[in-house]
Amino acid sequence: MRVLLVHPSALMYSEIFLRLEPLGLERVAGAARDAGHEVRVVDRQVLSERVLRDEVRAFRPEALGISLNYLANIPEAIELAVKVKREVPDCFVFFGGHSVS
């Protein structure tokens, strides 16, 4: 299965020193790869929305996982899910991270 994992962008008021490596997402990526899935990760803290759009169009993910470590990222995460579903309607979307629960 082609799995695309996305970490939302830095919060608008964040300074560069507040950006954290998405270790949880990277662990999920590693486990999915070990299970035989093809996985790509897009960290929107450092990559543009255009990069994400191009990745979705080229990779055509069958599943999209979005990390939610901050409640303030929920609107962006929902918007990302909607955009990917428009591009790839059959893509399964799921959210993870402590802010989901």
C-alpha atoms as a PDB file:
ATOM      1  CA  MET A   1       0.000   0.000   0.000  1.00  0.00           C
ATOM      2  CA  ARG A   2       1.190   3.527  -0.765  1.00  0.00           C
ATOM      3  CA  VAL A   3       1.077   5.531   2.466  1.00  0.00           C
ATOM      4  CA  LEU A   4       1.696   9.265   2.708  1.00  0.00           C
ATOM      5  CA  LEU A   5       2.338  10.661   6.181  1.00  0.00           C
ATOM      6  CA  VAL A   6       2.098  14.405   6.779  1.00  0.00           C
ATOM      7  CA  HIS A   7       3.141  16.614   9.671  1.00  0.00           C
ATOM      8  CA  PRO A   8       1.278  19.969   9.625  1.00  0.00           C
ATOM      9  CA  SER A   9       3.101  23.269   9.269  1.00  0.00           C
ATOM     10  CA  ALA A  10       4.551  25.191  12.185  1.00  0.00           C
ATOM     11  CA  LEU A  11       2.048  27.279  14.066  1.00  0.00           C
ATOM     12  CA  MET A  12       1.879  30.875  12.885  1.00  0.00           C
ATOM     13  CA  TYR A  13       3.389  32.255  16.072  1.00  0.00           C
ATOM     14  CA  SER A  14       6.201  29.690  16.244  1.00  0.00           C
ATOM     15  CA  GLU A  15       9.797  30.649  15.870  1.00  0.00           C
ATOM     16  CA  ILE A  16      12.187  28.276  14.156  1.00  0.00           C
ATOM     17  CA  PHE A  17      13.500  26.986  17.487  1.00  0.00           C
ATOM     18  CA  LEU A  18      10.009  25.679  18.349  1.00  0.00           C
ATOM     19  CA  ARG A  19       9.871  23.345  15.367  1.00  0.00           C
ATOM     20  CA  LEU A  20      10.330  19.751  16.397  1.00  0.00           C
ATOM     21  CA  GLU A  21      11.271  16.737  14.332  1.00  0.00           C
ATOM     22  CA  PRO A  22       8.158  14.589  13.819  1.00  0.00           C
ATOM     23  CA  LEU A  23       9.590  11.544  15.608  1.00  0.00           C
ATOM     24  CA  GLY A  24       6.224   9.863  16.135  1.00  0.00           C
ATOM     25  CA  LEU A  25       5.409  10.132  12.440  1.00  0.00           C
ATOM     26  CA  GLU A  26       8.854   8.806  11.564  1.00  0.00           C
ATOM     27  CA  ARG A  27       8.295   5.792  13.829  1.00  0.00           C
ATOM     28  CA  VAL A  28       4.966   5.080  12.125  1.00  0.00           C
ATOM     29  CA  ALA A  29       6.713   5.388   8.748  1.00  0.00           C
ATOM     30  CA  GLY A  30       9.386   2.907   9.829  1.00  0.00           C
ATOM     31  CA  ALA A  31       6.834   0.389  11.094  1.00  0.00           C
ATOM     32  CA  ALA A  32       4.776   0.698   7.901  1.00  0.00           C
ATOM     33  CA  ARG A  33       7.894   0.178   5.758  1.00  0.00           C
ATOM     34  CA  ASP A  34       8.845  -2.860   7.840  1.00  0.00           C
ATOM     35  CA  ALA A  35       5.349  -4.220   7.147  1.00  0.00           C
ATOM     36  CA  GLY A  36       5.991  -3.941   3.409  1.00  0.00           C
ATOM     37  CA  HIS A  37       4.232  -0.670   2.597  1.00  0.00           C
ATOM     38  CA  GLU A  38       5.648   2.068   0.385  1.00  0.00           C
ATOM     39  CA  VAL A  39       5.828   5.166   2.581  1.00  0.00           C
ATOM     40  CA  ARG A  40       6.615   8.810   2.023  1.00  0.00           C
ATOM     41  CA  VAL A  41       6.725  11.576   4.630  1.00  0.00           C
ATOM     42  CA  VAL A  42       6.066  15.282   4.081  1.00  0.00           C
ATOM     43  CA  ASP A  43       6.967  17.619   6.947  1.00  0.00           C
ATOM     44  CA  ARG A  44       5.055  20.839   6.343  1.00  0.00           C
ATOM     45  CA  GLN A  45       7.197  22.574   8.970  1.00  0.00           C
ATOM     46  CA  VAL A  46       9.939  22.753   6.363  1.00  0.00           C
ATOM     47  CA  LEU A  47       8.287  21.875   3.027  1.00  0.00           C
ATOM     48  CA  SER A  48       5.798  23.990   1.104  1.00  0.00           C
ATOM     49  CA  GLU A  49       2.188  23.166   0.320  1.00  0.00           C
ATOM     50  CA  ARG A  50       3.262  22.924  -3.325  1.00  0.00           C
ATOM     51  CA  VAL A  51       5.663  20.105  -2.433  1.00  0.00           C
ATOM     52  CA  LEU A  52       2.812  18.282  -0.705  1.00  0.00           C
ATOM     53  CA  ARG A  53       0.487  18.804  -3.680  1.00  0.00           C
ATOM     54  CA  ASP A  54       3.124  17.527  -6.110  1.00  0.00           C
ATOM     55  CA  GLU A  55       3.796  14.504  -3.882  1.00  0.00           C
ATOM     56  CA  VAL A  56       0.082  13.643  -3.767  1.00  0.00           C
ATOM     57  CA  ARG A  57      -0.238  13.908  -7.542  1.00  0.00           C
ATOM     58  CA  ALA A  58       2.881  11.841  -8.255  1.00  0.00           C
ATOM     59  CA  PHE A  59       2.562   9.230  -5.483  1.00  0.00           C
ATOM     60  CA  ARG A  60      -1.254   8.787  -5.513  1.00  0.00           C
ATOM     61  CA  PRO A  61      -1.421   7.552  -1.914  1.00  0.00           C
ATOM     62  CA  GLU A  62      -3.866   4.853  -0.925  1.00  0.00           C
ATOM     63  CA  ALA A  63      -3.710   6.041   2.687  1.00  0.00           C
ATOM     64  CA  LEU A  64      -2.966   9.450   4.182  1.00  0.00           C
ATOM     65  CA  GLY A  65      -1.921   9.796   7.816  1.00  0.00           C
ATOM     66  CA  ILE A  66      -1.802  13.239   9.400  1.00  0.00           C
ATOM     67  CA  SER A  67      -0.039  13.850  12.701  1.00  0.00           C
ATOM     68  CA  LEU A  68      -1.745  16.080  15.247  1.00  0.00           C
ATOM     69  CA  ASN A  69       0.509  17.066  18.102  1.00  0.00           C
ATOM     70  CA  TYR A  70      -1.142  20.454  18.672  1.00  0.00           C
ATOM     71  CA  LEU A  71      -4.838  21.280  18.876  1.00  0.00           C
ATOM     72  CA  ALA A  72      -4.143  24.469  16.934  1.00  0.00           C
ATOM     73  CA  ASN A  73      -3.215  22.357  13.879  1.00  0.00           C
ATOM     74  CA  ILE A  74      -6.646  20.709  13.637  1.00  0.00           C
ATOM     75  CA  PRO A  75      -8.100  23.174  11.075  1.00  0.00           C
ATOM     76  CA  GLU A  76      -5.047  22.769   8.838  1.00  0.00           C
ATOM     77  CA  ALA A  77      -5.133  18.977   9.181  1.00  0.00           C
ATOM     78  CA  ILE A  78      -8.784  18.843   8.146  1.00  0.00           C
ATOM     79  CA  GLU A  79      -8.063  21.148   5.197  1.00  0.00           C
ATOM     80  CA  LEU A  80      -5.152  18.918   4.096  1.00  0.00           C
ATOM     81  CA  ALA A  81      -7.378  15.843   4.296  1.00  0.00           C
ATOM     82  CA  VAL A  82     -10.074  17.514   2.188  1.00  0.00           C
ATOM     83  CA  LYS A  83      -7.556  18.582  -0.458  1.00  0.00           C
ATOM     84  CA  VAL A  84      -6.045  15.098  -0.711  1.00  0.00           C
ATOM     85  CA  LYS A  85      -9.487  13.474  -0.911  1.00  0.00           C
ATOM     86  CA  ARG A  86     -10.363  15.811  -3.796  1.00  0.00           C
ATOM     87  CA  GLU A  87      -7.217  14.727  -5.637  1.00  0.00           C
ATOM     88  CA  VAL A  88      -7.400  11.030  -4.676  1.00  0.00           C
ATOM     89  CA  PRO A  89     -11.040  10.264  -3.715  1.00  0.00           C
ATOM     90  CA  ASP A  90     -10.403   6.629  -2.733  1.00  0.00           C
ATOM     91  CA  CYS A  91      -7.573   7.539  -0.343  1.00  0.00           C
ATOM     92  CA  PHE A  92      -8.182   6.381   3.237  1.00  0.00           C
ATOM     93  CA  VAL A  93      -7.488   9.252   5.658  1.00  0.00           C
ATOM     94  CA  PHE A  94      -6.515   8.820   9.291  1.00  0.00           C
ATOM     95  CA  PHE A  95      -5.224  11.085  12.042  1.00  0.00           C
ATOM     96  CA  GLY A  96      -2.825  10.280  14.859  1.00  0.00           C
ATOM     97  CA  GLY A  97      -1.033  12.002  17.696  1.00  0.00           C
ATOM     98  CA  HIS A  98      -2.041  12.987  21.195  1.00  0.00           C
ATOM     99  CA  SER A  99      -4.257  15.898  20.093  1.00  0.00           C
ATOM    100  CA  VAL A 100      -6.557  13.499  18.256  1.00  0.00           C
ATOM    101  CA  SER A 101      -7.558  11.787  21.474  1.00  0.00           C
END
